[in-house]
Amino acid sequence: MVRQKLARLREILAGRLAWKDLATTIRRMREWVLSTEHILSGKWASEGAEPNAAQVAARFDPWIASLEARLQPLEGQSEVEQTCLSELVRISRCLRPQLLYCYEVKGLPRTNNDMEGYIRGLKTRYRRVSGRKNWNSYLLRYGQCIAYFDWWQQTGLSELEMLAQLRRVDHQRWRDTRAQFRCVQSDRLAIFRFRHKRDVFLKTLETRWEVSFSGT
């Protein structure tokens, strides 16, 4: 029994040694991401102070430059680490204007965490009411309007109060907004049909093309 336990212990230790270097690399790469997040979060600013875009850029740009300098081949740096670091630098460079934009517009959230949380809650409420696990059919049928339906329900406004608010909306603005939503909804339906009902979708396009061509 003791020999079996000892053999099992050796097996476990051998397995740990096999991915020791990879674990060290992952920890190092995690520090890159956390350091980048710390700079963009503005937590380094003094208490009560709100940093502006220039102050964040003064820390963000040198940090990304220091990461970029590490892209030179170094002894003991794996190919995986080089690839991941290169991708982090590339994305940070490309998204730099968007990452700093929230500091230029007052009240603009720095992350979309609140929006993602609201969407998760919206899905949960729909599943609870309908008993379905998937809400794709609901989303495809009503589109972005489901957010307005949910807002109406959550605020507790009566139908008369809702109608009173809608009467204050300019008619032309309402028509423009409706046209915009219909366009977005049409695009979403086309994407869904192409992905899930491709043969039927392509056949429909061919029929429309033949009708259009014969008309000319």
N, C-alpha and C. Protein backbone atom coordinates (compact mmCIF):
# COMPACT_ATOMS: atom_id res chain seq x y z
N MET A 1 0.82 -1.21 0.00
CA MET A 1 0.00 0.00 0.00
C MET A 1 0.86 1.27 0.00
N VAL A 2 1.92 1.25 0.85
CA VAL A 2 2.80 2.42 0.92
C VAL A 2 3.50 2.64 -0.42
N ARG A 3 3.95 1.55 -1.05
CA ARG A 3 4.62 1.68 -2.34
C ARG A 3 3.68 2.23 -3.41
N GLN A 4 2.41 1.82 -3.36
CA GLN A 4 1.44 2.31 -4.32
C GLN A 4 1.22 3.81 -4.15
N LYS A 5 1.11 4.25 -2.90
CA LYS A 5 0.93 5.67 -2.63
C LYS A 5 2.16 6.47 -3.06
N LEU A 6 3.34 5.91 -2.81
CA LEU A 6 4.57 6.58 -3.20
C LEU A 6 4.66 6.69 -4.72
N ALA A 7 4.27 5.63 -5.41
CA ALA A 7 4.29 5.65 -6.87
C ALA A 7 3.30 6.67 -7.42
N ARG A 8 2.14 6.75 -6.77
CA ARG A 8 1.13 7.72 -7.21
C ARG A 8 1.61 9.14 -6.97
N LEU A 9 2.29 9.37 -5.83
CA LEU A 9 2.83 10.69 -5.53
C LEU A 9 3.87 11.09 -6.55
N ARG A 10 4.75 10.16 -6.92
CA ARG A 10 5.76 10.44 -7.94
C ARG A 10 5.11 10.76 -9.29
N GLU A 11 4.04 10.05 -9.60
CA GLU A 11 3.32 10.30 -10.85
C GLU A 11 2.73 11.70 -10.89
N ILE A 12 2.16 12.12 -9.74
CA ILE A 12 1.57 13.46 -9.66
C ILE A 12 2.65 14.54 -9.79
N LEU A 13 3.77 14.34 -9.09
CA LEU A 13 4.86 15.31 -9.17
C LEU A 13 5.44 15.39 -10.57
N ALA A 14 5.55 14.25 -11.23
CA ALA A 14 6.05 14.25 -12.61
C ALA A 14 5.12 15.01 -13.53
N GLY A 15 3.80 14.87 -13.29
CA GLY A 15 2.84 15.60 -14.10
C GLY A 15 2.93 17.09 -13.87
N ARG A 16 3.15 17.49 -12.62
CA ARG A 16 3.30 18.92 -12.31
C ARG A 16 4.54 19.50 -12.96
N LEU A 17 5.62 18.74 -12.95
CA LEU A 17 6.86 19.23 -13.57
C LEU A 17 6.69 19.41 -15.07
N ALA A 18 5.81 18.60 -15.68
CA ALA A 18 5.63 18.67 -17.12
C ALA A 18 5.04 20.01 -17.56
N TRP A 19 4.15 20.59 -16.73
CA TRP A 19 3.55 21.88 -17.11
C TRP A 19 4.01 23.04 -16.23
N LYS A 20 5.14 22.84 -15.52
CA LYS A 20 5.66 23.91 -14.66
C LYS A 20 6.05 25.14 -15.46
N ASP A 21 6.77 24.93 -16.56
CA ASP A 21 7.21 26.07 -17.38
C ASP A 21 6.01 26.80 -17.99
N LEU A 22 5.02 26.03 -18.44
CA LEU A 22 3.82 26.65 -19.03
C LEU A 22 3.07 27.47 -17.98
N ALA A 23 2.97 26.95 -16.76
CA ALA A 23 2.29 27.68 -15.70
C ALA A 23 3.02 28.98 -15.37
N THR A 24 4.35 28.94 -15.37
CA THR A 24 5.13 30.15 -15.13
C THR A 24 4.90 31.18 -16.22
N THR A 25 4.84 30.71 -17.46
CA THR A 25 4.58 31.61 -18.59
C THR A 25 3.20 32.24 -18.49
N ILE A 26 2.20 31.44 -18.11
CA ILE A 26 0.84 31.95 -17.99
C ILE A 26 0.76 33.00 -16.89
N ARG A 27 1.44 32.77 -15.77
CA ARG A 27 1.44 33.76 -14.69
C ARG A 27 2.05 35.07 -15.17
N ARG A 28 3.14 34.97 -15.93
CA ARG A 28 3.80 36.17 -16.43
C ARG A 28 2.89 36.93 -17.41
N MET A 29 2.21 36.20 -18.29
CA MET A 29 1.31 36.85 -19.23
C MET A 29 0.10 37.45 -18.52
N ARG A 30 -0.35 36.81 -17.47
CA ARG A 30 -1.47 37.35 -16.69
C ARG A 30 -1.09 38.68 -16.07
N GLU A 31 0.14 38.83 -15.64
CA GLU A 31 0.60 40.09 -15.08
C GLU A 31 0.57 41.20 -16.12
N TRP A 32 0.87 40.86 -17.37
CA TRP A 32 0.79 41.87 -18.44
C TRP A 32 -0.63 42.42 -18.54
N VAL A 33 -1.60 41.51 -18.56
CA VAL A 33 -2.99 41.92 -18.72
C VAL A 33 -3.47 42.72 -17.51
N LEU A 34 -3.12 42.25 -16.31
CA LEU A 34 -3.55 42.96 -15.11
C LEU A 34 -2.93 44.34 -15.02
N SER A 35 -1.67 44.47 -15.41
CA SER A 35 -1.02 45.79 -15.40
C SER A 35 -1.67 46.72 -16.40
N THR A 36 -2.01 46.20 -17.56
CA THR A 36 -2.69 47.01 -18.57
C THR A 36 -4.05 47.45 -18.07
N GLU A 37 -4.79 46.53 -17.44
CA GLU A 37 -6.11 46.85 -16.91
C GLU A 37 -6.01 47.90 -15.81
N HIS A 38 -4.97 47.81 -14.97
CA HIS A 38 -4.79 48.78 -13.88
C HIS A 38 -4.58 50.18 -14.42
N ILE A 39 -3.81 50.30 -15.49
CA ILE A 39 -3.57 51.62 -16.08
C ILE A 39 -4.86 52.19 -16.67
N LEU A 40 -5.60 51.37 -17.41
CA LEU A 40 -6.82 51.85 -18.06
C LEU A 40 -7.95 52.11 -17.08
N SER A 41 -7.92 51.47 -15.92
CA SER A 41 -8.99 51.66 -14.93
C SER A 41 -8.89 53.01 -14.22
N GLY A 42 -7.70 53.60 -14.21
CA GLY A 42 -7.52 54.88 -13.52
C GLY A 42 -7.44 54.75 -12.01
N LYS A 43 -7.25 53.53 -11.50
CA LYS A 43 -7.20 53.32 -10.05
C LYS A 43 -5.95 53.92 -9.42
N TRP A 44 -4.94 54.23 -10.24
CA TRP A 44 -3.70 54.79 -9.73
C TRP A 44 -3.85 56.28 -9.38
N ALA A 45 -4.94 56.90 -9.83
CA ALA A 45 -5.15 58.32 -9.55
C ALA A 45 -5.43 58.52 -8.06
N SER A 46 -5.15 59.71 -7.57
CA SER A 46 -5.39 60.00 -6.16
C SER A 46 -6.88 59.90 -5.86
N GLU A 47 -7.20 59.62 -4.61
CA GLU A 47 -8.58 59.39 -4.21
C GLU A 47 -9.44 60.61 -4.50
N GLY A 48 -10.56 60.38 -5.18
CA GLY A 48 -11.47 61.46 -5.51
C GLY A 48 -11.15 62.17 -6.80
N ALA A 49 -9.98 61.91 -7.37
CA ALA A 49 -9.59 62.56 -8.63
C ALA A 49 -9.99 61.70 -9.81
N GLU A 50 -10.40 62.35 -10.89
CA GLU A 50 -10.80 61.66 -12.11
C GLU A 50 -9.75 61.94 -13.18
N PRO A 51 -8.96 60.96 -13.59
CA PRO A 51 -7.93 61.20 -14.60
C PRO A 51 -8.55 61.50 -15.96
N ASN A 52 -7.82 62.28 -16.75
CA ASN A 52 -8.29 62.56 -18.10
C ASN A 52 -7.54 61.68 -19.10
N ALA A 53 -7.91 61.82 -20.38
CA ALA A 53 -7.33 60.95 -21.41
C ALA A 53 -5.82 61.14 -21.54
N ALA A 54 -5.35 62.37 -21.39
CA ALA A 54 -3.92 62.65 -21.53
C ALA A 54 -3.12 61.97 -20.41
N GLN A 55 -3.66 61.99 -19.19
CA GLN A 55 -2.96 61.37 -18.07
C GLN A 55 -2.91 59.85 -18.22
N VAL A 56 -4.01 59.27 -18.70
CA VAL A 56 -4.01 57.82 -18.91
C VAL A 56 -3.06 57.45 -20.04
N ALA A 57 -3.05 58.25 -21.11
CA ALA A 57 -2.17 57.98 -22.24
C ALA A 57 -0.70 58.09 -21.83
N ALA A 58 -0.40 59.00 -20.89
CA ALA A 58 0.98 59.17 -20.43
C ALA A 58 1.51 57.92 -19.73
N ARG A 59 0.61 57.10 -19.20
CA ARG A 59 1.02 55.85 -18.57
C ARG A 59 0.85 54.66 -19.53
N PHE A 60 -0.21 54.71 -20.32
CA PHE A 60 -0.53 53.58 -21.20
C PHE A 60 0.50 53.42 -22.32
N ASP A 61 0.85 54.50 -22.97
CA ASP A 61 1.77 54.42 -24.12
C ASP A 61 3.15 53.89 -23.75
N PRO A 62 3.79 54.41 -22.68
CA PRO A 62 5.09 53.83 -22.29
C PRO A 62 5.00 52.36 -21.90
N TRP A 63 3.89 51.97 -21.27
CA TRP A 63 3.73 50.58 -20.87
C TRP A 63 3.65 49.67 -22.10
N ILE A 64 2.87 50.04 -23.09
CA ILE A 64 2.76 49.24 -24.30
C ILE A 64 4.09 49.23 -25.05
N ALA A 65 4.81 50.35 -25.01
CA ALA A 65 6.13 50.40 -25.66
C ALA A 65 7.10 49.44 -24.97
N SER A 66 7.01 49.34 -23.64
CA SER A 66 7.89 48.42 -22.92
C SER A 66 7.55 46.97 -23.25
N LEU A 67 6.27 46.67 -23.43
CA LEU A 67 5.88 45.32 -23.84
C LEU A 67 6.37 45.02 -25.25
N GLU A 68 6.27 46.02 -26.11
CA GLU A 68 6.70 45.83 -27.49
C GLU A 68 8.20 45.58 -27.57
N ALA A 69 8.95 46.21 -26.65
CA ALA A 69 10.40 45.99 -26.63
C ALA A 69 10.76 44.56 -26.26
N ARG A 70 9.86 43.88 -25.56
CA ARG A 70 10.12 42.50 -25.16
C ARG A 70 9.88 41.50 -26.30
N LEU A 71 9.41 41.99 -27.42
CA LEU A 71 9.15 41.09 -28.54
C LEU A 71 10.43 40.60 -29.20
N GLN A 72 11.55 41.22 -28.87
CA GLN A 72 12.82 40.74 -29.40
C GLN A 72 13.12 39.37 -28.81
N PRO A 73 13.61 38.45 -29.63
CA PRO A 73 13.89 37.08 -29.13
C PRO A 73 14.81 37.11 -27.92
N LEU A 74 14.36 36.50 -26.84
CA LEU A 74 15.15 36.46 -25.62
C LEU A 74 15.33 35.01 -25.19
N GLU A 75 16.44 34.75 -24.53
CA GLU A 75 16.71 33.40 -24.07
C GLU A 75 15.73 33.02 -22.97
N GLY A 76 15.10 31.88 -23.10
CA GLY A 76 14.15 31.40 -22.11
C GLY A 76 12.73 31.86 -22.35
N GLN A 77 12.47 32.64 -23.41
CA GLN A 77 11.12 33.11 -23.72
C GLN A 77 10.53 32.21 -24.79
N SER A 78 9.42 31.57 -24.48
CA SER A 78 8.86 30.57 -25.38
C SER A 78 8.18 31.23 -26.58
N GLU A 79 7.92 30.39 -27.57
CA GLU A 79 7.23 30.86 -28.77
C GLU A 79 5.79 31.27 -28.45
N VAL A 80 5.16 30.53 -27.53
CA VAL A 80 3.80 30.87 -27.11
C VAL A 80 3.75 32.25 -26.48
N GLU A 81 4.74 32.52 -25.63
CA GLU A 81 4.79 33.81 -24.96
C GLU A 81 5.01 34.94 -25.96
N GLN A 82 5.88 34.72 -26.93
CA GLN A 82 6.10 35.72 -27.97
C GLN A 82 4.83 35.99 -28.77
N THR A 83 4.12 34.92 -29.12
CA THR A 83 2.88 35.07 -29.90
C THR A 83 1.82 35.83 -29.13
N CYS A 84 1.62 35.47 -27.88
CA CYS A 84 0.60 36.12 -27.05
C CYS A 84 0.95 37.58 -26.79
N LEU A 85 2.21 37.84 -26.54
CA LEU A 85 2.64 39.22 -26.29
C LEU A 85 2.45 40.07 -27.54
N SER A 86 2.78 39.51 -28.69
CA SER A 86 2.59 40.23 -29.95
C SER A 86 1.13 40.58 -30.18
N GLU A 87 0.24 39.64 -29.85
CA GLU A 87 -1.20 39.88 -30.01
C GLU A 87 -1.70 40.95 -29.04
N LEU A 88 -1.21 40.92 -27.80
CA LEU A 88 -1.60 41.92 -26.82
C LEU A 88 -1.18 43.31 -27.26
N VAL A 89 0.03 43.43 -27.77
CA VAL A 89 0.52 44.73 -28.23
C VAL A 89 -0.28 45.20 -29.45
N ARG A 90 -0.56 44.29 -30.36
CA ARG A 90 -1.30 44.65 -31.58
C ARG A 90 -2.70 45.17 -31.23
N ILE A 91 -3.41 44.43 -30.36
CA ILE A 91 -4.76 44.84 -30.00
C ILE A 91 -4.75 46.16 -29.24
N SER A 92 -3.78 46.33 -28.35
CA SER A 92 -3.68 47.57 -27.57
C SER A 92 -3.42 48.76 -28.47
N ARG A 93 -2.57 48.58 -29.47
CA ARG A 93 -2.29 49.66 -30.42
C ARG A 93 -3.54 50.01 -31.24
N CYS A 94 -4.23 48.96 -31.72
CA CYS A 94 -5.39 49.19 -32.59
C CYS A 94 -6.56 49.83 -31.84
N LEU A 95 -6.76 49.41 -30.60
CA LEU A 95 -7.91 49.88 -29.83
C LEU A 95 -7.59 51.08 -28.94
N ARG A 96 -6.40 51.62 -29.05
CA ARG A 96 -6.01 52.72 -28.17
C ARG A 96 -7.02 53.87 -28.17
N PRO A 97 -7.49 54.38 -29.34
CA PRO A 97 -8.45 55.50 -29.31
C PRO A 97 -9.73 55.15 -28.56
N GLN A 98 -10.24 53.93 -28.77
CA GLN A 98 -11.47 53.54 -28.08
C GLN A 98 -11.25 53.32 -26.59
N LEU A 99 -10.08 52.82 -26.22
CA LEU A 99 -9.80 52.57 -24.80
C LEU A 99 -9.69 53.87 -23.99
N LEU A 100 -9.29 54.94 -24.65
CA LEU A 100 -9.13 56.22 -23.96
C LEU A 100 -10.32 57.14 -24.13
N TYR A 101 -11.23 56.79 -25.01
CA TYR A 101 -12.34 57.69 -25.33
C TYR A 101 -13.25 57.93 -24.13
N CYS A 102 -13.39 56.92 -23.26
CA CYS A 102 -14.29 57.07 -22.12
C CYS A 102 -13.82 58.17 -21.17
N TYR A 103 -12.54 58.54 -21.23
CA TYR A 103 -12.04 59.61 -20.38
C TYR A 103 -12.27 60.99 -20.99
N GLU A 104 -12.73 61.02 -22.25
CA GLU A 104 -12.99 62.29 -22.92
C GLU A 104 -14.47 62.67 -22.85
N VAL A 105 -15.34 61.69 -22.62
CA VAL A 105 -16.78 61.94 -22.57
C VAL A 105 -17.27 61.71 -21.15
N LYS A 106 -17.80 62.72 -20.54
CA LYS A 106 -18.27 62.63 -19.17
C LYS A 106 -19.47 61.68 -19.08
N GLY A 107 -19.42 60.76 -18.12
CA GLY A 107 -20.52 59.84 -17.91
C GLY A 107 -20.47 58.58 -18.75
N LEU A 108 -19.52 58.49 -19.68
CA LEU A 108 -19.42 57.30 -20.52
C LEU A 108 -18.75 56.18 -19.72
N PRO A 109 -19.40 55.02 -19.56
CA PRO A 109 -18.80 53.93 -18.77
C PRO A 109 -17.49 53.44 -19.37
N ARG A 110 -16.57 53.02 -18.52
CA ARG A 110 -15.28 52.53 -19.00
C ARG A 110 -15.36 51.10 -19.50
N THR A 111 -16.36 50.37 -19.08
CA THR A 111 -16.56 49.00 -19.54
C THR A 111 -18.04 48.82 -19.90
N ASN A 112 -18.34 47.70 -20.56
CA ASN A 112 -19.73 47.37 -20.87
C ASN A 112 -20.28 46.33 -19.91
N ASN A 113 -19.70 46.26 -18.72
CA ASN A 113 -20.12 45.25 -17.74
C ASN A 113 -21.58 45.40 -17.35
N ASP A 114 -22.02 46.66 -17.17
CA ASP A 114 -23.41 46.90 -16.79
C ASP A 114 -24.36 46.44 -17.90
N MET A 115 -23.98 46.73 -19.15
CA MET A 115 -24.83 46.32 -20.28
C MET A 115 -24.90 44.81 -20.39
N GLU A 116 -23.74 44.13 -20.22
CA GLU A 116 -23.72 42.67 -20.28
C GLU A 116 -24.56 42.07 -19.15
N GLY A 117 -24.48 42.69 -17.97
CA GLY A 117 -25.29 42.21 -16.85
C GLY A 117 -26.78 42.38 -17.12
N TYR A 118 -27.15 43.49 -17.75
CA TYR A 118 -28.56 43.71 -18.08
C TYR A 118 -29.05 42.69 -19.10
N ILE A 119 -28.22 42.39 -20.11
CA ILE A 119 -28.61 41.40 -21.13
C ILE A 119 -28.79 40.02 -20.50
N ARG A 120 -27.89 39.65 -19.58
CA ARG A 120 -28.04 38.37 -18.89
C ARG A 120 -29.35 38.32 -18.10
N GLY A 121 -29.67 39.44 -17.42
CA GLY A 121 -30.92 39.49 -16.67
C GLY A 121 -32.13 39.42 -17.58
N LEU A 122 -32.03 40.05 -18.75
CA LEU A 122 -33.12 40.02 -19.72
C LEU A 122 -33.36 38.60 -20.23
N LYS A 123 -32.27 37.89 -20.50
CA LYS A 123 -32.39 36.49 -20.93
C LYS A 123 -33.02 35.63 -19.83
N THR A 124 -32.56 35.85 -18.60
CA THR A 124 -33.07 35.05 -17.49
C THR A 124 -34.56 35.26 -17.30
N ARG A 125 -35.01 36.51 -17.38
CA ARG A 125 -36.44 36.79 -17.20
C ARG A 125 -37.27 36.16 -18.32
N TYR A 126 -36.74 36.19 -19.55
CA TYR A 126 -37.48 35.58 -20.66
C TYR A 126 -37.58 34.06 -20.47
N ARG A 127 -36.45 33.44 -20.09
CA ARG A 127 -36.47 31.99 -19.89
C ARG A 127 -37.42 31.59 -18.76
N ARG A 128 -37.48 32.43 -17.75
CA ARG A 128 -38.36 32.13 -16.61
C ARG A 128 -39.82 32.20 -17.02
N VAL A 129 -40.15 33.14 -17.89
CA VAL A 129 -41.54 33.31 -18.32
C VAL A 129 -41.93 32.26 -19.35
N SER A 130 -41.04 32.03 -20.33
CA SER A 130 -41.38 31.14 -21.45
C SER A 130 -41.07 29.67 -21.18
N GLY A 131 -40.13 29.40 -20.28
CA GLY A 131 -39.71 28.02 -20.05
C GLY A 131 -38.73 27.50 -21.08
N ARG A 132 -38.28 28.37 -21.99
CA ARG A 132 -37.34 27.96 -23.01
C ARG A 132 -35.91 28.24 -22.57
N LYS A 133 -34.98 27.45 -23.09
CA LYS A 133 -33.58 27.66 -22.76
C LYS A 133 -32.92 28.67 -23.70
N ASN A 134 -33.47 28.79 -24.90
CA ASN A 134 -32.87 29.66 -25.91
C ASN A 134 -33.84 30.78 -26.26
N TRP A 135 -33.33 31.98 -26.36
CA TRP A 135 -34.20 33.14 -26.64
C TRP A 135 -34.00 33.68 -28.05
N ASN A 136 -33.36 32.91 -28.95
CA ASN A 136 -33.09 33.39 -30.29
C ASN A 136 -34.37 33.72 -31.06
N SER A 137 -35.39 32.86 -30.94
CA SER A 137 -36.64 33.11 -31.67
C SER A 137 -37.31 34.39 -31.19
N TYR A 138 -37.25 34.64 -29.89
CA TYR A 138 -37.82 35.86 -29.32
C TYR A 138 -37.06 37.09 -29.83
N LEU A 139 -35.73 36.99 -29.85
CA LEU A 139 -34.90 38.10 -30.31
C LEU A 139 -35.10 38.35 -31.80
N LEU A 140 -35.22 37.29 -32.58
CA LEU A 140 -35.41 37.45 -34.01
C LEU A 140 -36.77 38.04 -34.34
N ARG A 141 -37.75 37.77 -33.52
CA ARG A 141 -39.11 38.26 -33.78
C ARG A 141 -39.26 39.73 -33.43
N TYR A 142 -38.70 40.14 -32.31
CA TYR A 142 -38.93 41.51 -31.83
C TYR A 142 -37.69 42.39 -31.86
N GLY A 143 -36.51 41.79 -32.00
CA GLY A 143 -35.29 42.58 -32.12
C GLY A 143 -34.99 43.43 -30.91
N GLN A 144 -34.47 44.63 -31.15
CA GLN A 144 -34.06 45.52 -30.06
C GLN A 144 -35.23 46.03 -29.24
N CYS A 145 -36.45 45.87 -29.76
CA CYS A 145 -37.62 46.36 -29.04
C CYS A 145 -37.82 45.64 -27.71
N ILE A 146 -37.25 44.45 -27.57
CA ILE A 146 -37.44 43.71 -26.31
C ILE A 146 -36.85 44.47 -25.14
N ALA A 147 -35.82 45.27 -25.38
CA ALA A 147 -35.24 46.06 -24.30
C ALA A 147 -36.24 47.12 -23.82
N TYR A 148 -37.02 47.68 -24.75
CA TYR A 148 -38.03 48.67 -24.37
C TYR A 148 -39.19 48.01 -23.63
N PHE A 149 -39.57 46.81 -24.09
CA PHE A 149 -40.62 46.09 -23.39
C PHE A 149 -40.20 45.80 -21.95
N ASP A 150 -38.95 45.36 -21.79
CA ASP A 150 -38.45 45.03 -20.46
C ASP A 150 -38.37 46.27 -19.59
N TRP A 151 -37.91 47.39 -20.17
CA TRP A 151 -37.83 48.64 -19.41
C TRP A 151 -39.21 49.06 -18.93
N TRP A 152 -40.20 48.94 -19.80
CA TRP A 152 -41.57 49.31 -19.44
C TRP A 152 -42.04 48.46 -18.26
N GLN A 153 -41.77 47.17 -18.32
CA GLN A 153 -42.20 46.27 -17.25
C GLN A 153 -41.47 46.57 -15.95
N GLN A 154 -40.17 46.85 -16.04
CA GLN A 154 -39.38 47.07 -14.83
C GLN A 154 -39.72 48.39 -14.15
N THR A 155 -40.07 49.41 -14.94
CA THR A 155 -40.38 50.72 -14.35
C THR A 155 -41.76 50.76 -13.71
N GLY A 156 -42.66 49.84 -14.12
CA GLY A 156 -43.99 49.79 -13.53
C GLY A 156 -44.94 50.85 -14.04
N LEU A 157 -44.66 51.44 -15.22
CA LEU A 157 -45.55 52.45 -15.79
C LEU A 157 -46.84 51.79 -16.28
N SER A 158 -47.93 52.48 -16.08
CA SER A 158 -49.20 51.99 -16.60
C SER A 158 -49.28 52.26 -18.09
N GLU A 159 -50.27 51.67 -18.72
CA GLU A 159 -50.43 51.86 -20.18
C GLU A 159 -50.72 53.32 -20.50
N LEU A 160 -51.52 53.99 -19.67
CA LEU A 160 -51.84 55.40 -19.90
C LEU A 160 -50.60 56.27 -19.76
N GLU A 161 -49.78 55.98 -18.76
CA GLU A 161 -48.54 56.75 -18.57
C GLU A 161 -47.58 56.53 -19.74
N MET A 162 -47.53 55.30 -20.23
CA MET A 162 -46.66 55.01 -21.36
C MET A 162 -47.14 55.74 -22.61
N LEU A 163 -48.42 55.75 -22.84
CA LEU A 163 -48.98 56.46 -24.00
C LEU A 163 -48.73 57.97 -23.89
N ALA A 164 -48.79 58.50 -22.69
CA ALA A 164 -48.54 59.92 -22.49
C ALA A 164 -47.10 60.28 -22.86
N GLN A 165 -46.17 59.39 -22.53
CA GLN A 165 -44.77 59.63 -22.90
C GLN A 165 -44.56 59.51 -24.40
N LEU A 166 -45.22 58.53 -25.01
CA LEU A 166 -45.07 58.34 -26.45
C LEU A 166 -45.64 59.51 -27.24
N ARG A 167 -46.68 60.16 -26.72
CA ARG A 167 -47.27 61.30 -27.43
C ARG A 167 -46.32 62.48 -27.51
N ARG A 168 -45.34 62.52 -26.64
CA ARG A 168 -44.37 63.62 -26.66
C ARG A 168 -43.27 63.42 -27.71
N VAL A 169 -43.23 62.24 -28.33
CA VAL A 169 -42.20 61.95 -29.33
C VAL A 169 -42.62 62.55 -30.67
N ASP A 170 -41.70 63.25 -31.31
CA ASP A 170 -41.97 63.82 -32.63
C ASP A 170 -42.28 62.72 -33.64
N HIS A 171 -43.28 62.96 -34.50
CA HIS A 171 -43.72 61.92 -35.43
C HIS A 171 -42.62 61.53 -36.40
N GLN A 172 -41.89 62.49 -36.94
CA GLN A 172 -40.82 62.18 -37.89
C GLN A 172 -39.69 61.41 -37.22
N ARG A 173 -39.40 61.77 -35.99
CA ARG A 173 -38.36 61.05 -35.26
C ARG A 173 -38.78 59.60 -35.03
N TRP A 174 -40.06 59.40 -34.72
CA TRP A 174 -40.56 58.04 -34.53
C TRP A 174 -40.45 57.23 -35.81
N ARG A 175 -40.79 57.84 -36.96
CA ARG A 175 -40.70 57.14 -38.24
C ARG A 175 -39.25 56.79 -38.57
N ASP A 176 -38.32 57.72 -38.30
CA ASP A 176 -36.91 57.45 -38.57
C ASP A 176 -36.38 56.32 -37.69
N THR A 177 -36.76 56.34 -36.42
CA THR A 177 -36.32 55.30 -35.49
C THR A 177 -36.89 53.94 -35.90
N ARG A 178 -38.16 53.92 -36.29
CA ARG A 178 -38.77 52.67 -36.73
C ARG A 178 -38.06 52.12 -37.97
N ALA A 179 -37.75 53.00 -38.92
CA ALA A 179 -37.06 52.56 -40.13
C ALA A 179 -35.67 52.00 -39.81
N GLN A 180 -34.99 52.64 -38.86
CA GLN A 180 -33.67 52.17 -38.46
C GLN A 180 -33.75 50.78 -37.82
N PHE A 181 -34.70 50.59 -36.92
CA PHE A 181 -34.86 49.29 -36.26
C PHE A 181 -35.24 48.21 -37.26
N ARG A 182 -36.10 48.53 -38.21
CA ARG A 182 -36.50 47.55 -39.21
C ARG A 182 -35.31 47.14 -40.07
N CYS A 183 -34.45 48.08 -40.38
CA CYS A 183 -33.25 47.77 -41.18
C CYS A 183 -32.32 46.83 -40.42
N VAL A 184 -32.09 47.13 -39.14
CA VAL A 184 -31.24 46.28 -38.31
C VAL A 184 -31.85 44.90 -38.16
N GLN A 185 -33.17 44.85 -37.95
CA GLN A 185 -33.85 43.57 -37.79
C GLN A 185 -33.77 42.74 -39.06
N SER A 186 -33.90 43.39 -40.21
CA SER A 186 -33.80 42.68 -41.49
C SER A 186 -32.41 42.08 -41.68
N ASP A 187 -31.38 42.84 -41.32
CA ASP A 187 -30.01 42.33 -41.44
C ASP A 187 -29.80 41.13 -40.51
N ARG A 188 -30.33 41.21 -39.30
CA ARG A 188 -30.17 40.12 -38.34
C ARG A 188 -30.87 38.86 -38.83
N LEU A 189 -32.06 39.02 -39.41
CA LEU A 189 -32.78 37.87 -39.95
C LEU A 189 -32.04 37.25 -41.12
N ALA A 190 -31.45 38.11 -41.97
CA ALA A 190 -30.71 37.59 -43.12
C ALA A 190 -29.51 36.78 -42.68
N ILE A 191 -28.81 37.25 -41.65
CA ILE A 191 -27.65 36.53 -41.13
C ILE A 191 -28.08 35.18 -40.54
N PHE A 192 -29.18 35.20 -39.79
CA PHE A 192 -29.66 33.95 -39.19
C PHE A 192 -30.06 32.94 -40.27
N ARG A 193 -30.78 33.40 -41.27
CA ARG A 193 -31.23 32.49 -42.33
C ARG A 193 -30.05 31.95 -43.13
N PHE A 194 -29.03 32.79 -43.34
CA PHE A 194 -27.87 32.33 -44.09
C PHE A 194 -27.10 31.28 -43.32
N ARG A 195 -27.03 31.43 -42.00
CA ARG A 195 -26.26 30.49 -41.19
C ARG A 195 -27.01 29.19 -40.95
N HIS A 196 -28.33 29.26 -40.74
CA HIS A 196 -29.09 28.09 -40.31
C HIS A 196 -29.99 27.50 -41.39
N LYS A 197 -30.35 28.30 -42.39
CA LYS A 197 -31.21 27.82 -43.47
C LYS A 197 -30.62 28.27 -44.80
N ARG A 198 -29.35 27.91 -44.99
CA ARG A 198 -28.59 28.47 -46.11
C ARG A 198 -29.17 28.08 -47.47
N ASP A 199 -29.54 26.81 -47.64
CA ASP A 199 -30.04 26.37 -48.95
C ASP A 199 -31.31 27.12 -49.34
N VAL A 200 -32.23 27.24 -48.39
CA VAL A 200 -33.48 27.96 -48.66
C VAL A 200 -33.20 29.43 -48.93
N PHE A 201 -32.29 30.00 -48.16
CA PHE A 201 -31.96 31.42 -48.30
C PHE A 201 -31.35 31.70 -49.67
N LEU A 202 -30.41 30.86 -50.10
CA LEU A 202 -29.77 31.05 -51.39
C LEU A 202 -30.76 30.83 -52.54
N LYS A 203 -31.65 29.85 -52.36
CA LYS A 203 -32.67 29.61 -53.38
C LYS A 203 -33.58 30.82 -53.53
N THR A 204 -33.92 31.45 -52.41
CA THR A 204 -34.75 32.65 -52.45
C THR A 204 -34.04 33.78 -53.18
N LEU A 205 -32.75 33.94 -52.93
CA LEU A 205 -31.97 34.97 -53.62
C LEU A 205 -31.93 34.70 -55.12
N GLU A 206 -31.75 33.43 -55.49
CA GLU A 206 -31.72 33.08 -56.91
C GLU A 206 -33.05 33.40 -57.59
N THR A 207 -34.15 33.08 -56.89
CA THR A 207 -35.48 33.38 -57.45
C THR A 207 -35.68 34.87 -57.63
N ARG A 208 -35.30 35.63 -56.64
CA ARG A 208 -35.43 37.09 -56.74
C ARG A 208 -34.58 37.64 -57.86
N TRP A 209 -33.38 37.09 -58.02
CA TRP A 209 -32.50 37.54 -59.08
C TRP A 209 -33.09 37.22 -60.46
N GLU A 210 -33.67 36.02 -60.60
CA GLU A 210 -34.27 35.65 -61.88
C GLU A 210 -35.46 36.55 -62.22
N VAL A 211 -36.27 36.84 -61.21
CA VAL A 211 -37.42 37.72 -61.42
C VAL A 211 -36.96 39.13 -61.80
N SER A 212 -35.94 39.62 -61.10
CA SER A 212 -35.42 40.95 -61.40
C SER A 212 -34.79 41.00 -62.79
N PHE A 213 -34.04 39.95 -63.14
CA PHE A 213 -33.38 39.91 -64.43
C PHE A 213 -34.39 39.81 -65.58
N SER A 214 -35.43 39.00 -65.36
CA SER A 214 -36.44 38.84 -66.42
C SER A 214 -37.24 40.11 -66.62
N GLY A 215 -37.36 40.91 -65.56
CA GLY A 215 -38.10 42.17 -65.67
C GLY A 215 -37.38 43.22 -66.46
N THR A 216 -36.03 43.10 -66.55
CA THR A 216 -35.27 44.08 -67.31
C THR A 216 -35.19 43.69 -68.78
